[in-house]
Amino acid sequence: MTRDAARRAVAEYWLGRADAALLSAASELAARRFDFAANRAYYAAFYAASAVLLSADLKFAKHSGVRGAVHRDLVKPGLLDIAWGKAYDRLFEARQAADYLELFELEQAHATELVDIARGFVDNMRRLFAAAVE
């Protein structure tokens, strides 16, 4: 397997993880575990962004690296609308709050909105991925 083929296979793996995280987020919403839904929504976006960035031979060890690259390598050159960069930031910040703030409780409407945002973000990442591998 060539290096490009291996990189594409790993990127496709991360896109599959994004889909699984979206399913998990929907399940958490249905179970009324809104903090966990926010976590899974963020990870769907994170995995999808990681896939697209990897397809451009960019790999990061930290969440902050992926977040910065979304803005630097996708939004700034015009590959991704700035609104989706801001959406990624919202998902990141909501996950941080849901996972680490004591006594923090996410409301159903907010969690539902975050899952919807993640779906849209993943759809945009799929579009970018498809364009990158053509």
C-alpha atoms as a PDB file:
ATOM      1  CA  MET A   1       0.000   0.000   0.000  1.00  0.00           C
ATOM      2  CA  THR A   2       1.350   3.414  -0.932  1.00  0.00           C
ATOM      3  CA  ARG A   3       1.702   6.208   1.623  1.00  0.00           C
ATOM      4  CA  ASP A   4      -1.174   8.102  -0.022  1.00  0.00           C
ATOM      5  CA  ALA A   5      -3.405   5.026   0.046  1.00  0.00           C
ATOM      6  CA  ALA A   6      -2.565   4.415   3.703  1.00  0.00           C
ATOM      7  CA  ARG A   7      -3.299   8.046   4.592  1.00  0.00           C
ATOM      8  CA  ARG A   8      -6.634   7.836   2.745  1.00  0.00           C
ATOM      9  CA  ALA A   9      -7.543   4.615   4.570  1.00  0.00           C
ATOM     10  CA  VAL A  10      -6.845   6.223   7.938  1.00  0.00           C
ATOM     11  CA  ALA A  11      -8.815   9.347   6.967  1.00  0.00           C
ATOM     12  CA  GLU A  12     -11.764   7.146   5.952  1.00  0.00           C
ATOM     13  CA  TYR A  13     -11.484   5.391   9.316  1.00  0.00           C
ATOM     14  CA  TRP A  14     -11.811   8.790  11.066  1.00  0.00           C
ATOM     15  CA  LEU A  15     -14.850   9.641   8.943  1.00  0.00           C
ATOM     16  CA  GLY A  16     -16.398   6.364  10.088  1.00  0.00           C
ATOM     17  CA  ARG A  17     -15.658   7.339  13.683  1.00  0.00           C
ATOM     18  CA  ALA A  18     -17.398  10.672  13.027  1.00  0.00           C
ATOM     19  CA  ASP A  19     -20.511   8.821  11.855  1.00  0.00           C
ATOM     20  CA  ALA A  20     -20.414   6.578  14.936  1.00  0.00           C
ATOM     21  CA  ALA A  21     -20.071   9.614  17.202  1.00  0.00           C
ATOM     22  CA  LEU A  22     -23.100  11.237  15.547  1.00  0.00           C
ATOM     23  CA  LEU A  23     -25.138   8.084  16.167  1.00  0.00           C
ATOM     24  CA  SER A  24     -23.958   8.056  19.760  1.00  0.00           C
ATOM     25  CA  ALA A  25     -24.877  11.746  20.169  1.00  0.00           C
ATOM     26  CA  ALA A  26     -28.408  11.027  18.939  1.00  0.00           C
ATOM     27  CA  SER A  27     -28.656   8.102  21.341  1.00  0.00           C
ATOM     28  CA  GLU A  28     -27.497  10.265  24.247  1.00  0.00           C
ATOM     29  CA  LEU A  29     -30.097  12.899  23.315  1.00  0.00           C
ATOM     30  CA  ALA A  30     -32.828  10.269  23.299  1.00  0.00           C
ATOM     31  CA  ALA A  31     -31.665   9.059  26.721  1.00  0.00           C
ATOM     32  CA  ARG A  32     -31.717  12.684  27.989  1.00  0.00           C
ATOM     33  CA  ARG A  33     -27.989  12.624  28.762  1.00  0.00           C
ATOM     34  CA  PHE A  34     -27.385  16.043  27.271  1.00  0.00           C
ATOM     35  CA  ASP A  35     -23.821  16.535  28.511  1.00  0.00           C
ATOM     36  CA  PHE A  36     -22.817  13.264  26.878  1.00  0.00           C
ATOM     37  CA  ALA A  37     -24.608  14.277  23.669  1.00  0.00           C
ATOM     38  CA  ALA A  38     -22.465  17.436  23.573  1.00  0.00           C
ATOM     39  CA  ASN A  39     -19.334  15.341  24.052  1.00  0.00           C
ATOM     40  CA  ARG A  40     -20.203  12.991  21.203  1.00  0.00           C
ATOM     41  CA  ALA A  41     -21.250  15.909  18.941  1.00  0.00           C
ATOM     42  CA  TYR A  42     -17.858  17.533  19.434  1.00  0.00           C
ATOM     43  CA  TYR A  43     -16.018  14.280  18.800  1.00  0.00           C
ATOM     44  CA  ALA A  44     -17.954  13.770  15.552  1.00  0.00           C
ATOM     45  CA  ALA A  45     -16.662  17.143  14.365  1.00  0.00           C
ATOM     46  CA  PHE A  46     -13.171  16.453  15.697  1.00  0.00           C
ATOM     47  CA  TYR A  47     -12.906  13.096  13.919  1.00  0.00           C
ATOM     48  CA  ALA A  48     -14.259  14.529  10.656  1.00  0.00           C
ATOM     49  CA  ALA A  49     -11.901  17.515  10.775  1.00  0.00           C
ATOM     50  CA  SER A  50      -9.005  15.186  11.574  1.00  0.00           C
ATOM     51  CA  ALA A  51      -9.869  13.121   8.491  1.00  0.00           C
ATOM     52  CA  VAL A  52      -9.861  16.138   6.192  1.00  0.00           C
ATOM     53  CA  LEU A  53      -6.658  17.519   7.666  1.00  0.00           C
ATOM     54  CA  LEU A  54      -4.980  14.115   7.410  1.00  0.00           C
ATOM     55  CA  SER A  55      -5.938  13.955   3.738  1.00  0.00           C
ATOM     56  CA  ALA A  56      -3.815  17.128   3.388  1.00  0.00           C
ATOM     57  CA  ASP A  57      -1.014  15.353   5.292  1.00  0.00           C
ATOM     58  CA  LEU A  58      -1.668  17.338   8.478  1.00  0.00           C
ATOM     59  CA  LYS A  59      -1.796  15.414  11.751  1.00  0.00           C
ATOM     60  CA  PHE A  60      -2.065  16.800  15.274  1.00  0.00           C
ATOM     61  CA  ALA A  61      -1.503  15.362  18.728  1.00  0.00           C
ATOM     62  CA  LYS A  62      -3.796  17.790  20.546  1.00  0.00           C
ATOM     63  CA  HIS A  63      -7.341  19.038  20.167  1.00  0.00           C
ATOM     64  CA  SER A  64      -6.025  22.602  20.084  1.00  0.00           C
ATOM     65  CA  GLY A  65      -3.919  21.675  17.063  1.00  0.00           C
ATOM     66  CA  VAL A  66      -6.965  20.451  15.149  1.00  0.00           C
ATOM     67  CA  ARG A  67      -8.956  23.496  16.214  1.00  0.00           C
ATOM     68  CA  GLY A  68      -6.232  25.851  15.024  1.00  0.00           C
ATOM     69  CA  ALA A  69      -5.856  23.961  11.750  1.00  0.00           C
ATOM     70  CA  VAL A  70      -9.595  24.159  11.047  1.00  0.00           C
ATOM     71  CA  HIS A  71      -9.224  27.934  11.044  1.00  0.00           C
ATOM     72  CA  ARG A  72      -5.759  28.205   9.473  1.00  0.00           C
ATOM     73  CA  ASP A  73      -5.986  25.472   6.831  1.00  0.00           C
ATOM     74  CA  LEU A  74      -9.692  25.287   6.042  1.00  0.00           C
ATOM     75  CA  VAL A  75     -11.383  28.601   6.884  1.00  0.00           C
ATOM     76  CA  LYS A  76      -8.619  31.098   6.073  1.00  0.00           C
ATOM     77  CA  PRO A  77      -7.979  29.803   2.523  1.00  0.00           C
ATOM     78  CA  GLY A  78     -11.734  29.741   1.872  1.00  0.00           C
ATOM     79  CA  LEU A  79     -12.241  25.981   1.788  1.00  0.00           C
ATOM     80  CA  LEU A  80     -14.717  26.184   4.671  1.00  0.00           C
ATOM     81  CA  ASP A  81     -17.115  29.006   5.457  1.00  0.00           C
ATOM     82  CA  ILE A  82     -16.173  31.017   8.538  1.00  0.00           C
ATOM     83  CA  ALA A  83     -19.521  30.090  10.110  1.00  0.00           C
ATOM     84  CA  TRP A  84     -18.405  26.449  10.218  1.00  0.00           C
ATOM     85  CA  GLY A  85     -15.162  27.462  11.895  1.00  0.00           C
ATOM     86  CA  LYS A  86     -17.199  29.238  14.554  1.00  0.00           C
ATOM     87  CA  ALA A  87     -19.465  26.203  14.799  1.00  0.00           C
ATOM     88  CA  TYR A  88     -16.427  24.016  15.513  1.00  0.00           C
ATOM     89  CA  ASP A  89     -15.434  26.438  18.268  1.00  0.00           C
ATOM     90  CA  ARG A  90     -18.931  26.224  19.793  1.00  0.00           C
ATOM     91  CA  LEU A  91     -18.765  22.442  19.820  1.00  0.00           C
ATOM     92  CA  PHE A  92     -15.307  22.524  21.394  1.00  0.00           C
ATOM     93  CA  GLU A  93     -16.350  24.981  24.100  1.00  0.00           C
ATOM     94  CA  ALA A  94     -19.575  23.121  24.901  1.00  0.00           C
ATOM     95  CA  ARG A  95     -17.682  19.847  25.229  1.00  0.00           C
ATOM     96  CA  GLN A  96     -15.145  21.487  27.529  1.00  0.00           C
ATOM     97  CA  ALA A  97     -17.917  22.823  29.760  1.00  0.00           C
ATOM     98  CA  ALA A  98     -19.931  19.589  29.727  1.00  0.00           C
ATOM     99  CA  ASP A  99     -16.901  17.441  30.515  1.00  0.00           C
ATOM    100  CA  TYR A 100     -15.028  19.584  33.014  1.00  0.00           C
ATOM    101  CA  LEU A 101     -17.246  22.129  34.778  1.00  0.00           C
ATOM    102  CA  GLU A 102     -18.715  21.013  38.071  1.00  0.00           C
ATOM    103  CA  LEU A 103     -22.490  21.261  38.406  1.00  0.00           C
ATOM    104  CA  PHE A 104     -22.824  22.173  34.731  1.00  0.00           C
ATOM    105  CA  GLU A 105     -25.991  20.893  33.082  1.00  0.00           C
ATOM    106  CA  LEU A 106     -26.772  21.332  29.438  1.00  0.00           C
ATOM    107  CA  GLU A 107     -30.383  21.920  28.467  1.00  0.00           C
ATOM    108  CA  GLN A 108     -32.118  19.744  25.887  1.00  0.00           C
ATOM    109  CA  ALA A 109     -32.555  22.534  23.319  1.00  0.00           C
ATOM    110  CA  HIS A 110     -28.871  23.443  23.477  1.00  0.00           C
ATOM    111  CA  ALA A 111     -27.753  19.826  23.219  1.00  0.00           C
ATOM    112  CA  THR A 112     -30.072  19.252  20.254  1.00  0.00           C
ATOM    113  CA  GLU A 113     -28.651  22.331  18.553  1.00  0.00           C
ATOM    114  CA  LEU A 114     -25.096  21.082  19.123  1.00  0.00           C
ATOM    115  CA  VAL A 115     -25.899  17.700  17.581  1.00  0.00           C
ATOM    116  CA  ASP A 116     -27.453  19.426  14.563  1.00  0.00           C
ATOM    117  CA  ILE A 117     -24.370  21.632  14.218  1.00  0.00           C
ATOM    118  CA  ALA A 118     -22.139  18.563  14.355  1.00  0.00           C
ATOM    119  CA  ARG A 119     -24.160  16.880  11.592  1.00  0.00           C
ATOM    120  CA  GLY A 120     -23.732  19.921   9.368  1.00  0.00           C
ATOM    121  CA  PHE A 121     -20.046  20.168  10.163  1.00  0.00           C
ATOM    122  CA  VAL A 122     -19.471  16.489   9.365  1.00  0.00           C
ATOM    123  CA  ASP A 123     -21.369  16.917   6.072  1.00  0.00           C
ATOM    124  CA  ASN A 124     -19.041  19.794   5.177  1.00  0.00           C
ATOM    125  CA  MET A 125     -15.982  17.723   6.072  1.00  0.00           C
ATOM    126  CA  ARG A 126     -17.234  14.905   3.834  1.00  0.00           C
ATOM    127  CA  ARG A 127     -17.551  17.399   0.971  1.00  0.00           C
ATOM    128  CA  LEU A 128     -13.997  18.630   1.533  1.00  0.00           C
ATOM    129  CA  PHE A 129     -12.695  15.083   1.840  1.00  0.00           C
ATOM    130  CA  ALA A 130     -14.365  14.039  -1.404  1.00  0.00           C
ATOM    131  CA  ALA A 131     -12.865  17.044  -3.192  1.00  0.00           C
ATOM    132  CA  ALA A 132      -9.408  16.302  -1.756  1.00  0.00           C
ATOM    133  CA  VAL A 133      -9.326  12.688  -2.927  1.00  0.00           C
ATOM    134  CA  GLU A 134     -10.673  13.272  -6.440  1.00  0.00           C
END
